[in-house]
Amino acid sequence: MAGRGKTLGSGGAKKATSRSSKAGLQFPVGRIARFLKAGKYAERVGAGAPVYLAAVLEYLAAEVKLHRLFSLSHSVSDLIRLTLFLRDRLRI
């Protein structure tokens, strides 16, 4: 077998990469996928569904954290204005 000899360091298995890190998320995509499958929401769950749901949950958690930090440092009227702004932005 000419052409390819063994080189040092070859043949080792690659380190596993989580779906969360591939998507650039902090929320656990694998765990959300497991919950979606176990929850019997549908007969089958697509590969992108848990990634999308994890991204949405991470976004909402960041919004809640931002809202809480804002409320600790501002008055009630500022908080009401922020709530109305977010409501209009999210079209709730």
N, C-alpha and C. Protein backbone atom coordinates (compact mmCIF):
# COMPACT_ATOMS: atom_id res chain seq x y z
N MET A 1 0.84 -1.18 0.00
CA MET A 1 0.00 0.00 0.00
C MET A 1 0.88 1.23 0.00
N ALA A 2 1.17 1.66 -1.15
CA ALA A 2 2.07 2.79 -1.29
C ALA A 2 1.33 4.10 -1.13
N GLY A 3 2.04 5.09 -0.68
CA GLY A 3 1.47 6.43 -0.67
C GLY A 3 1.09 6.95 0.70
N ARG A 4 0.62 6.06 1.57
CA ARG A 4 0.18 6.55 2.88
C ARG A 4 0.80 5.70 3.98
N GLY A 5 1.73 6.28 4.65
CA GLY A 5 2.32 5.59 5.77
C GLY A 5 1.71 6.10 7.06
N LYS A 6 1.98 5.39 8.12
CA LYS A 6 1.46 5.85 9.41
C LYS A 6 2.28 7.04 9.88
N THR A 7 1.60 8.05 10.34
CA THR A 7 2.29 9.21 10.88
C THR A 7 2.01 9.29 12.37
N LEU A 8 2.86 9.97 13.07
CA LEU A 8 2.67 10.12 14.50
C LEU A 8 1.41 10.92 14.79
N GLY A 9 0.64 10.44 15.72
CA GLY A 9 -0.55 11.17 16.12
C GLY A 9 -1.78 10.85 15.30
N SER A 10 -1.63 10.05 14.26
CA SER A 10 -2.81 9.73 13.46
C SER A 10 -3.50 8.51 14.05
N GLY A 11 -4.74 8.33 13.71
CA GLY A 11 -5.48 7.18 14.18
C GLY A 11 -6.24 7.42 15.46
N GLY A 12 -6.03 8.56 16.09
CA GLY A 12 -6.76 8.86 17.31
C GLY A 12 -8.18 9.31 17.00
N ALA A 13 -9.07 8.99 17.89
CA ALA A 13 -10.47 9.40 17.69
C ALA A 13 -10.61 10.89 17.94
N LYS A 14 -11.54 11.50 17.21
CA LYS A 14 -11.79 12.93 17.40
C LYS A 14 -12.57 13.15 18.68
N LYS A 15 -12.35 14.29 19.27
CA LYS A 15 -13.09 14.67 20.47
C LYS A 15 -14.51 15.02 20.08
N ALA A 16 -15.47 14.53 20.84
CA ALA A 16 -16.88 14.79 20.54
C ALA A 16 -17.20 16.27 20.72
N THR A 17 -18.02 16.80 19.81
CA THR A 17 -18.46 18.19 19.89
C THR A 17 -19.96 18.21 20.10
N SER A 18 -20.40 18.91 21.12
CA SER A 18 -21.83 18.93 21.42
C SER A 18 -22.58 19.78 20.39
N ARG A 19 -23.87 19.48 20.28
CA ARG A 19 -24.69 20.26 19.36
C ARG A 19 -24.85 21.69 19.86
N SER A 20 -24.78 21.89 21.16
CA SER A 20 -24.85 23.24 21.72
C SER A 20 -23.67 24.08 21.27
N SER A 21 -22.48 23.50 21.33
CA SER A 21 -21.29 24.26 20.92
C SER A 21 -21.27 24.47 19.41
N LYS A 22 -21.78 23.52 18.64
CA LYS A 22 -21.86 23.71 17.19
C LYS A 22 -22.78 24.86 16.84
N ALA A 23 -23.87 25.00 17.62
CA ALA A 23 -24.83 26.07 17.36
C ALA A 23 -24.43 27.37 18.06
N GLY A 24 -23.42 27.33 18.91
CA GLY A 24 -22.99 28.52 19.63
C GLY A 24 -23.93 28.90 20.74
N LEU A 25 -24.52 27.91 21.40
CA LEU A 25 -25.50 28.15 22.45
C LEU A 25 -24.97 27.68 23.80
N GLN A 26 -25.56 28.22 24.86
CA GLN A 26 -25.24 27.78 26.21
C GLN A 26 -26.24 26.74 26.70
N PHE A 27 -27.46 26.80 26.19
CA PHE A 27 -28.51 25.88 26.61
C PHE A 27 -28.25 24.49 26.02
N PRO A 28 -28.59 23.42 26.75
CA PRO A 28 -28.26 22.06 26.30
C PRO A 28 -29.21 21.55 25.22
N VAL A 29 -28.73 21.49 23.99
CA VAL A 29 -29.55 21.04 22.87
C VAL A 29 -29.90 19.56 23.01
N GLY A 30 -28.93 18.76 23.43
CA GLY A 30 -29.17 17.32 23.58
C GLY A 30 -30.24 17.01 24.61
N ARG A 31 -30.22 17.72 25.72
CA ARG A 31 -31.22 17.51 26.76
C ARG A 31 -32.60 17.93 26.29
N ILE A 32 -32.67 19.05 25.58
CA ILE A 32 -33.95 19.50 25.05
C ILE A 32 -34.48 18.51 24.03
N ALA A 33 -33.59 17.93 23.20
CA ALA A 33 -34.01 16.92 22.23
C ALA A 33 -34.56 15.69 22.94
N ARG A 34 -33.90 15.29 24.02
CA ARG A 34 -34.38 14.14 24.79
C ARG A 34 -35.75 14.41 25.38
N PHE A 35 -35.96 15.61 25.91
CA PHE A 35 -37.26 15.96 26.48
C PHE A 35 -38.35 16.01 25.42
N LEU A 36 -38.02 16.53 24.24
CA LEU A 36 -39.00 16.59 23.16
C LEU A 36 -39.41 15.18 22.72
N LYS A 37 -38.44 14.28 22.65
CA LYS A 37 -38.75 12.91 22.23
C LYS A 37 -39.56 12.18 23.30
N ALA A 38 -39.21 12.38 24.56
CA ALA A 38 -39.89 11.69 25.65
C ALA A 38 -41.26 12.28 25.93
N GLY A 39 -41.48 13.53 25.55
CA GLY A 39 -42.73 14.20 25.88
C GLY A 39 -43.89 13.85 24.98
N LYS A 40 -43.65 13.08 23.92
CA LYS A 40 -44.71 12.66 23.00
C LYS A 40 -45.46 13.84 22.41
N TYR A 41 -44.71 14.88 22.03
CA TYR A 41 -45.32 16.02 21.36
C TYR A 41 -45.60 15.69 19.91
N ALA A 42 -44.79 14.82 19.35
CA ALA A 42 -44.98 14.39 17.97
C ALA A 42 -44.38 12.99 17.84
N GLU A 43 -44.75 12.32 16.75
CA GLU A 43 -44.21 10.98 16.54
C GLU A 43 -42.71 11.04 16.29
N ARG A 44 -42.28 12.06 15.55
CA ARG A 44 -40.86 12.25 15.28
C ARG A 44 -40.49 13.70 15.54
N VAL A 45 -39.24 13.92 15.88
CA VAL A 45 -38.73 15.28 16.13
C VAL A 45 -37.58 15.52 15.17
N GLY A 46 -37.66 16.62 14.42
CA GLY A 46 -36.60 16.94 13.46
C GLY A 46 -35.30 17.31 14.15
N ALA A 47 -34.23 17.30 13.38
CA ALA A 47 -32.91 17.59 13.94
C ALA A 47 -32.75 19.06 14.32
N GLY A 48 -33.45 19.95 13.63
CA GLY A 48 -33.31 21.38 13.91
C GLY A 48 -34.22 21.89 15.00
N ALA A 49 -35.24 21.13 15.35
CA ALA A 49 -36.22 21.60 16.34
C ALA A 49 -35.60 21.86 17.72
N PRO A 50 -34.82 20.94 18.27
CA PRO A 50 -34.23 21.23 19.59
C PRO A 50 -33.22 22.37 19.56
N VAL A 51 -32.53 22.55 18.44
CA VAL A 51 -31.57 23.66 18.32
C VAL A 51 -32.32 24.98 18.34
N TYR A 52 -33.40 25.05 17.58
CA TYR A 52 -34.20 26.27 17.51
C TYR A 52 -34.83 26.57 18.87
N LEU A 53 -35.38 25.54 19.52
CA LEU A 53 -36.01 25.74 20.83
C LEU A 53 -34.98 26.18 21.86
N ALA A 54 -33.79 25.61 21.83
CA ALA A 54 -32.73 26.02 22.75
C ALA A 54 -32.34 27.47 22.52
N ALA A 55 -32.28 27.89 21.26
CA ALA A 55 -31.94 29.28 20.95
C ALA A 55 -33.02 30.23 21.45
N VAL A 56 -34.28 29.86 21.29
CA VAL A 56 -35.39 30.70 21.77
C VAL A 56 -35.36 30.79 23.29
N LEU A 57 -35.17 29.67 23.97
CA LEU A 57 -35.12 29.68 25.43
C LEU A 57 -33.94 30.50 25.95
N GLU A 58 -32.81 30.40 25.28
CA GLU A 58 -31.64 31.18 25.68
C GLU A 58 -31.89 32.67 25.49
N TYR A 59 -32.54 33.03 24.39
CA TYR A 59 -32.88 34.43 24.13
C TYR A 59 -33.83 34.96 25.21
N LEU A 60 -34.86 34.18 25.53
CA LEU A 60 -35.82 34.63 26.54
C LEU A 60 -35.17 34.75 27.91
N ALA A 61 -34.28 33.83 28.25
CA ALA A 61 -33.58 33.92 29.52
C ALA A 61 -32.71 35.18 29.58
N ALA A 62 -32.07 35.52 28.47
CA ALA A 62 -31.26 36.74 28.43
C ALA A 62 -32.13 37.99 28.56
N GLU A 63 -33.31 37.97 27.94
CA GLU A 63 -34.23 39.11 28.07
C GLU A 63 -34.71 39.28 29.50
N VAL A 64 -35.03 38.17 30.16
CA VAL A 64 -35.48 38.24 31.55
C VAL A 64 -34.36 38.75 32.44
N LYS A 65 -33.15 38.27 32.21
CA LYS A 65 -32.00 38.74 33.01
C LYS A 65 -31.77 40.23 32.80
N LEU A 66 -31.84 40.67 31.54
CA LEU A 66 -31.66 42.08 31.24
C LEU A 66 -32.76 42.92 31.89
N HIS A 67 -33.98 42.43 31.83
CA HIS A 67 -35.12 43.14 32.42
C HIS A 67 -34.94 43.26 33.94
N ARG A 68 -34.46 42.18 34.57
CA ARG A 68 -34.26 42.20 36.02
C ARG A 68 -33.15 43.18 36.40
N LEU A 69 -32.04 43.15 35.67
CA LEU A 69 -30.95 44.08 35.96
C LEU A 69 -31.38 45.52 35.76
N PHE A 70 -32.19 45.76 34.73
CA PHE A 70 -32.70 47.09 34.47
C PHE A 70 -33.61 47.54 35.60
N SER A 71 -34.46 46.62 36.08
CA SER A 71 -35.42 46.99 37.13
C SER A 71 -34.73 47.28 38.45
N LEU A 72 -33.59 46.64 38.70
CA LEU A 72 -32.87 46.89 39.95
C LEU A 72 -32.20 48.25 39.97
N SER A 73 -31.92 48.79 38.79
CA SER A 73 -31.17 50.04 38.74
C SER A 73 -32.00 51.24 38.26
N HIS A 74 -33.29 51.05 37.96
CA HIS A 74 -34.11 52.14 37.46
C HIS A 74 -35.43 52.22 38.23
N SER A 75 -36.14 53.30 37.97
CA SER A 75 -37.40 53.52 38.68
C SER A 75 -38.52 52.70 38.04
N VAL A 76 -39.70 52.75 38.67
CA VAL A 76 -40.86 52.00 38.20
C VAL A 76 -41.34 52.53 36.86
N SER A 77 -41.31 53.84 36.66
CA SER A 77 -41.77 54.40 35.39
C SER A 77 -40.88 53.96 34.23
N ASP A 78 -39.56 53.87 34.49
CA ASP A 78 -38.65 53.36 33.45
C ASP A 78 -38.96 51.90 33.13
N LEU A 79 -39.30 51.14 34.17
CA LEU A 79 -39.62 49.73 33.99
C LEU A 79 -40.89 49.57 33.16
N ILE A 80 -41.88 50.42 33.39
CA ILE A 80 -43.13 50.36 32.62
C ILE A 80 -42.85 50.71 31.16
N ARG A 81 -42.02 51.73 30.94
CA ARG A 81 -41.68 52.09 29.55
C ARG A 81 -40.96 50.94 28.85
N LEU A 82 -40.04 50.28 29.55
CA LEU A 82 -39.33 49.15 28.96
C LEU A 82 -40.28 48.01 28.64
N THR A 83 -41.21 47.74 29.54
CA THR A 83 -42.18 46.67 29.32
C THR A 83 -43.04 46.96 28.11
N LEU A 84 -43.50 48.20 27.96
CA LEU A 84 -44.30 48.57 26.80
C LEU A 84 -43.48 48.48 25.52
N PHE A 85 -42.22 48.88 25.60
CA PHE A 85 -41.35 48.79 24.42
C PHE A 85 -41.17 47.34 23.99
N LEU A 86 -40.89 46.46 24.97
CA LEU A 86 -40.70 45.05 24.63
C LEU A 86 -41.99 44.42 24.12
N ARG A 87 -43.12 44.82 24.67
CA ARG A 87 -44.40 44.28 24.21
C ARG A 87 -44.65 44.67 22.76
N ASP A 88 -44.34 45.91 22.41
CA ASP A 88 -44.52 46.35 21.02
C ASP A 88 -43.52 45.66 20.10
N ARG A 89 -42.31 45.45 20.61
CA ARG A 89 -41.28 44.81 19.80
C ARG A 89 -41.59 43.34 19.53
N LEU A 90 -42.13 42.67 20.55
CA LEU A 90 -42.45 41.25 20.40
C LEU A 90 -43.86 41.02 19.88
N ARG A 91 -44.64 42.08 19.77
CA ARG A 91 -46.03 42.02 19.29
C ARG A 91 -46.88 41.03 20.10
N ILE A 92 -46.84 41.19 21.40
CA ILE A 92 -47.64 40.33 22.28
C ILE A 92 -49.04 40.90 22.41
